Amino acid sequence: MDTTNILLARQPIYDRELKVAAYELLFRPPADWKWDGDLATSQVIVNAFADLGIEQAADNKRAFINFTRQWLLSPPPFEPHCVPSKFWKA
């Protein structure tokens, strides 16, 4: 798959004071791409963590990523302690 046209989008999530509190990170494929939820989730993770860096992708705010059922059943390819603590809540 050619990844040069794959885009990572972020949707702001606002708090009660209408300040951006977090971002939902979203997969945006090329127009001719056949949808695959598992691949979309993996592309968001790769783009957010490896290509951009999660701090830049989420503008140093918390980040939310939609996980498919398969991704929920299989752990992500990183340990929770590898994600900066400001991006998750125990």
C-alpha atoms as a PDB file:
ATOM      1  CA  MET A   1       0.000   0.000   0.000  1.00  0.00           C
ATOM      2  CA  ASP A   2       1.300   3.450  -0.892  1.00  0.00           C
ATOM      3  CA  THR A   3       1.347   5.464   2.339  1.00  0.00           C
ATOM      4  CA  THR A   4       2.391   8.771   0.803  1.00  0.00           C
ATOM      5  CA  ASN A   5      -1.253   9.884   0.495  1.00  0.00           C
ATOM      6  CA  ILE A   6      -2.455   8.748   3.918  1.00  0.00           C
ATOM      7  CA  LEU A   7      -3.344  11.608   6.214  1.00  0.00           C
ATOM      8  CA  LEU A   8      -3.689  11.744   9.950  1.00  0.00           C
ATOM      9  CA  ALA A   9      -6.402  14.102  11.129  1.00  0.00           C
ATOM     10  CA  ARG A  10      -7.188  15.281  14.622  1.00  0.00           C
ATOM     11  CA  GLN A  11     -10.581  16.273  15.967  1.00  0.00           C
ATOM     12  CA  PRO A  12     -10.469  18.599  18.973  1.00  0.00           C
ATOM     13  CA  ILE A  13     -12.225  17.556  22.164  1.00  0.00           C
ATOM     14  CA  TYR A  14     -13.264  20.542  24.274  1.00  0.00           C
ATOM     15  CA  ASP A  15     -13.649  20.891  28.017  1.00  0.00           C
ATOM     16  CA  ARG A  16     -16.445  22.800  29.768  1.00  0.00           C
ATOM     17  CA  GLU A  17     -14.648  26.107  29.260  1.00  0.00           C
ATOM     18  CA  LEU A  18     -14.431  25.372  25.498  1.00  0.00           C
ATOM     19  CA  LYS A  19     -10.664  24.922  25.643  1.00  0.00           C
ATOM     20  CA  VAL A  20      -9.096  22.075  23.660  1.00  0.00           C
ATOM     21  CA  ALA A  21      -8.490  19.360  26.247  1.00  0.00           C
ATOM     22  CA  ALA A  22      -7.537  16.508  23.909  1.00  0.00           C
ATOM     23  CA  TYR A  23      -7.638  15.294  20.333  1.00  0.00           C
ATOM     24  CA  GLU A  24      -9.207  12.280  18.705  1.00  0.00           C
ATOM     25  CA  LEU A  25      -6.696  11.051  16.133  1.00  0.00           C
ATOM     26  CA  LEU A  26      -8.341   9.911  12.921  1.00  0.00           C
ATOM     27  CA  PHE A  27      -7.258   8.037   9.810  1.00  0.00           C
ATOM     28  CA  ARG A  28      -7.868   9.794   6.499  1.00  0.00           C
ATOM     29  CA  PRO A  29      -7.047   7.577   3.493  1.00  0.00           C
ATOM     30  CA  PRO A  30      -6.886   8.463  -0.183  1.00  0.00           C
ATOM     31  CA  ALA A  31     -10.261   8.560  -1.965  1.00  0.00           C
ATOM     32  CA  ASP A  32      -9.724   5.227  -3.760  1.00  0.00           C
ATOM     33  CA  TRP A  33      -8.754   3.290  -0.615  1.00  0.00           C
ATOM     34  CA  LYS A  34     -10.842   0.220   0.294  1.00  0.00           C
ATOM     35  CA  TRP A  35     -11.762   0.566   3.969  1.00  0.00           C
ATOM     36  CA  ASP A  36     -10.096  -1.731   6.511  1.00  0.00           C
ATOM     37  CA  GLY A  37     -10.636  -0.738  10.144  1.00  0.00           C
ATOM     38  CA  ASP A  38      -7.710  -2.745  11.510  1.00  0.00           C
ATOM     39  CA  LEU A  39      -5.337  -1.199   8.993  1.00  0.00           C
ATOM     40  CA  ALA A  40      -6.757   2.255   9.693  1.00  0.00           C
ATOM     41  CA  THR A  41      -6.051   1.844  13.421  1.00  0.00           C
ATOM     42  CA  SER A  42      -2.533   0.639  12.734  1.00  0.00           C
ATOM     43  CA  GLN A  43      -1.887   3.589  10.406  1.00  0.00           C
ATOM     44  CA  VAL A  44      -3.047   6.069  13.068  1.00  0.00           C
ATOM     45  CA  ILE A  45      -0.695   4.455  15.594  1.00  0.00           C
ATOM     46  CA  VAL A  46       2.254   4.394  13.182  1.00  0.00           C
ATOM     47  CA  ASN A  47       1.667   7.965  12.020  1.00  0.00           C
ATOM     48  CA  ALA A  48       1.071   9.326  15.523  1.00  0.00           C
ATOM     49  CA  PHE A  49       3.865   7.519  17.344  1.00  0.00           C
ATOM     50  CA  ALA A  50       6.546   6.773  14.748  1.00  0.00           C
ATOM     51  CA  ASP A  51       6.220   9.289  11.943  1.00  0.00           C
ATOM     52  CA  LEU A  52       5.119  12.461  13.729  1.00  0.00           C
ATOM     53  CA  GLY A  53       5.637  11.708  17.389  1.00  0.00           C
ATOM     54  CA  ILE A  54       2.642  11.628  19.706  1.00  0.00           C
ATOM     55  CA  GLU A  55       3.527  14.973  21.291  1.00  0.00           C
ATOM     56  CA  GLN A  56       3.325  16.733  17.921  1.00  0.00           C
ATOM     57  CA  ALA A  57       0.319  14.727  16.690  1.00  0.00           C
ATOM     58  CA  ALA A  58      -1.675  15.638  19.804  1.00  0.00           C
ATOM     59  CA  ASP A  59      -0.165  19.092  20.339  1.00  0.00           C
ATOM     60  CA  ASN A  60       1.021  17.961  23.794  1.00  0.00           C
ATOM     61  CA  LYS A  61      -2.537  17.123  24.842  1.00  0.00           C
ATOM     62  CA  ARG A  62      -4.215  13.801  25.565  1.00  0.00           C
ATOM     63  CA  ALA A  63      -4.926  11.703  22.489  1.00  0.00           C
ATOM     64  CA  PHE A  64      -7.737   9.273  21.771  1.00  0.00           C
ATOM     65  CA  ILE A  65      -7.581   6.618  19.052  1.00  0.00           C
ATOM     66  CA  ASN A  66     -10.477   4.451  17.892  1.00  0.00           C
ATOM     67  CA  PHE A  67      -9.608   0.776  18.254  1.00  0.00           C
ATOM     68  CA  THR A  68     -11.308  -2.009  16.324  1.00  0.00           C
ATOM     69  CA  ARG A  69     -12.406  -5.169  18.101  1.00  0.00           C
ATOM     70  CA  GLN A  70      -9.270  -6.948  16.867  1.00  0.00           C
ATOM     71  CA  TRP A  71      -7.055  -4.222  18.301  1.00  0.00           C
ATOM     72  CA  LEU A  72      -8.866  -4.431  21.630  1.00  0.00           C
ATOM     73  CA  LEU A  73      -8.290  -8.184  21.754  1.00  0.00           C
ATOM     74  CA  SER A  74      -4.609  -7.861  20.822  1.00  0.00           C
ATOM     75  CA  PRO A  75      -2.449  -5.478  22.809  1.00  0.00           C
ATOM     76  CA  PRO A  76      -0.829  -2.557  21.009  1.00  0.00           C
ATOM     77  CA  PRO A  77       2.812  -3.003  19.971  1.00  0.00           C
ATOM     78  CA  PHE A  78       4.098  -0.906  22.875  1.00  0.00           C
ATOM     79  CA  GLU A  79       3.978  -1.047  26.639  1.00  0.00           C
ATOM     80  CA  PRO A  80       1.858   1.530  28.514  1.00  0.00           C
ATOM     81  CA  HIS A  81       4.945   2.890  30.268  1.00  0.00           C
ATOM     82  CA  CYS A  82       6.344   3.860  26.845  1.00  0.00           C
ATOM     83  CA  VAL A  83       3.540   6.381  26.324  1.00  0.00           C
ATOM     84  CA  PRO A  84       4.092   9.698  28.143  1.00  0.00           C
ATOM     85  CA  SER A  85       1.865   9.771  31.224  1.00  0.00           C
ATOM     86  CA  LYS A  86       0.131  12.983  30.130  1.00  0.00           C
ATOM     87  CA  PHE A  87      -1.555  10.966  27.346  1.00  0.00           C
ATOM     88  CA  TRP A  88      -3.306   8.424  29.546  1.00  0.00           C
ATOM     89  CA  LYS A  89      -5.093   8.215  32.832  1.00  0.00           C
ATOM     90  CA  ALA A  90      -4.681   5.225  35.133  1.00  0.00           C
END
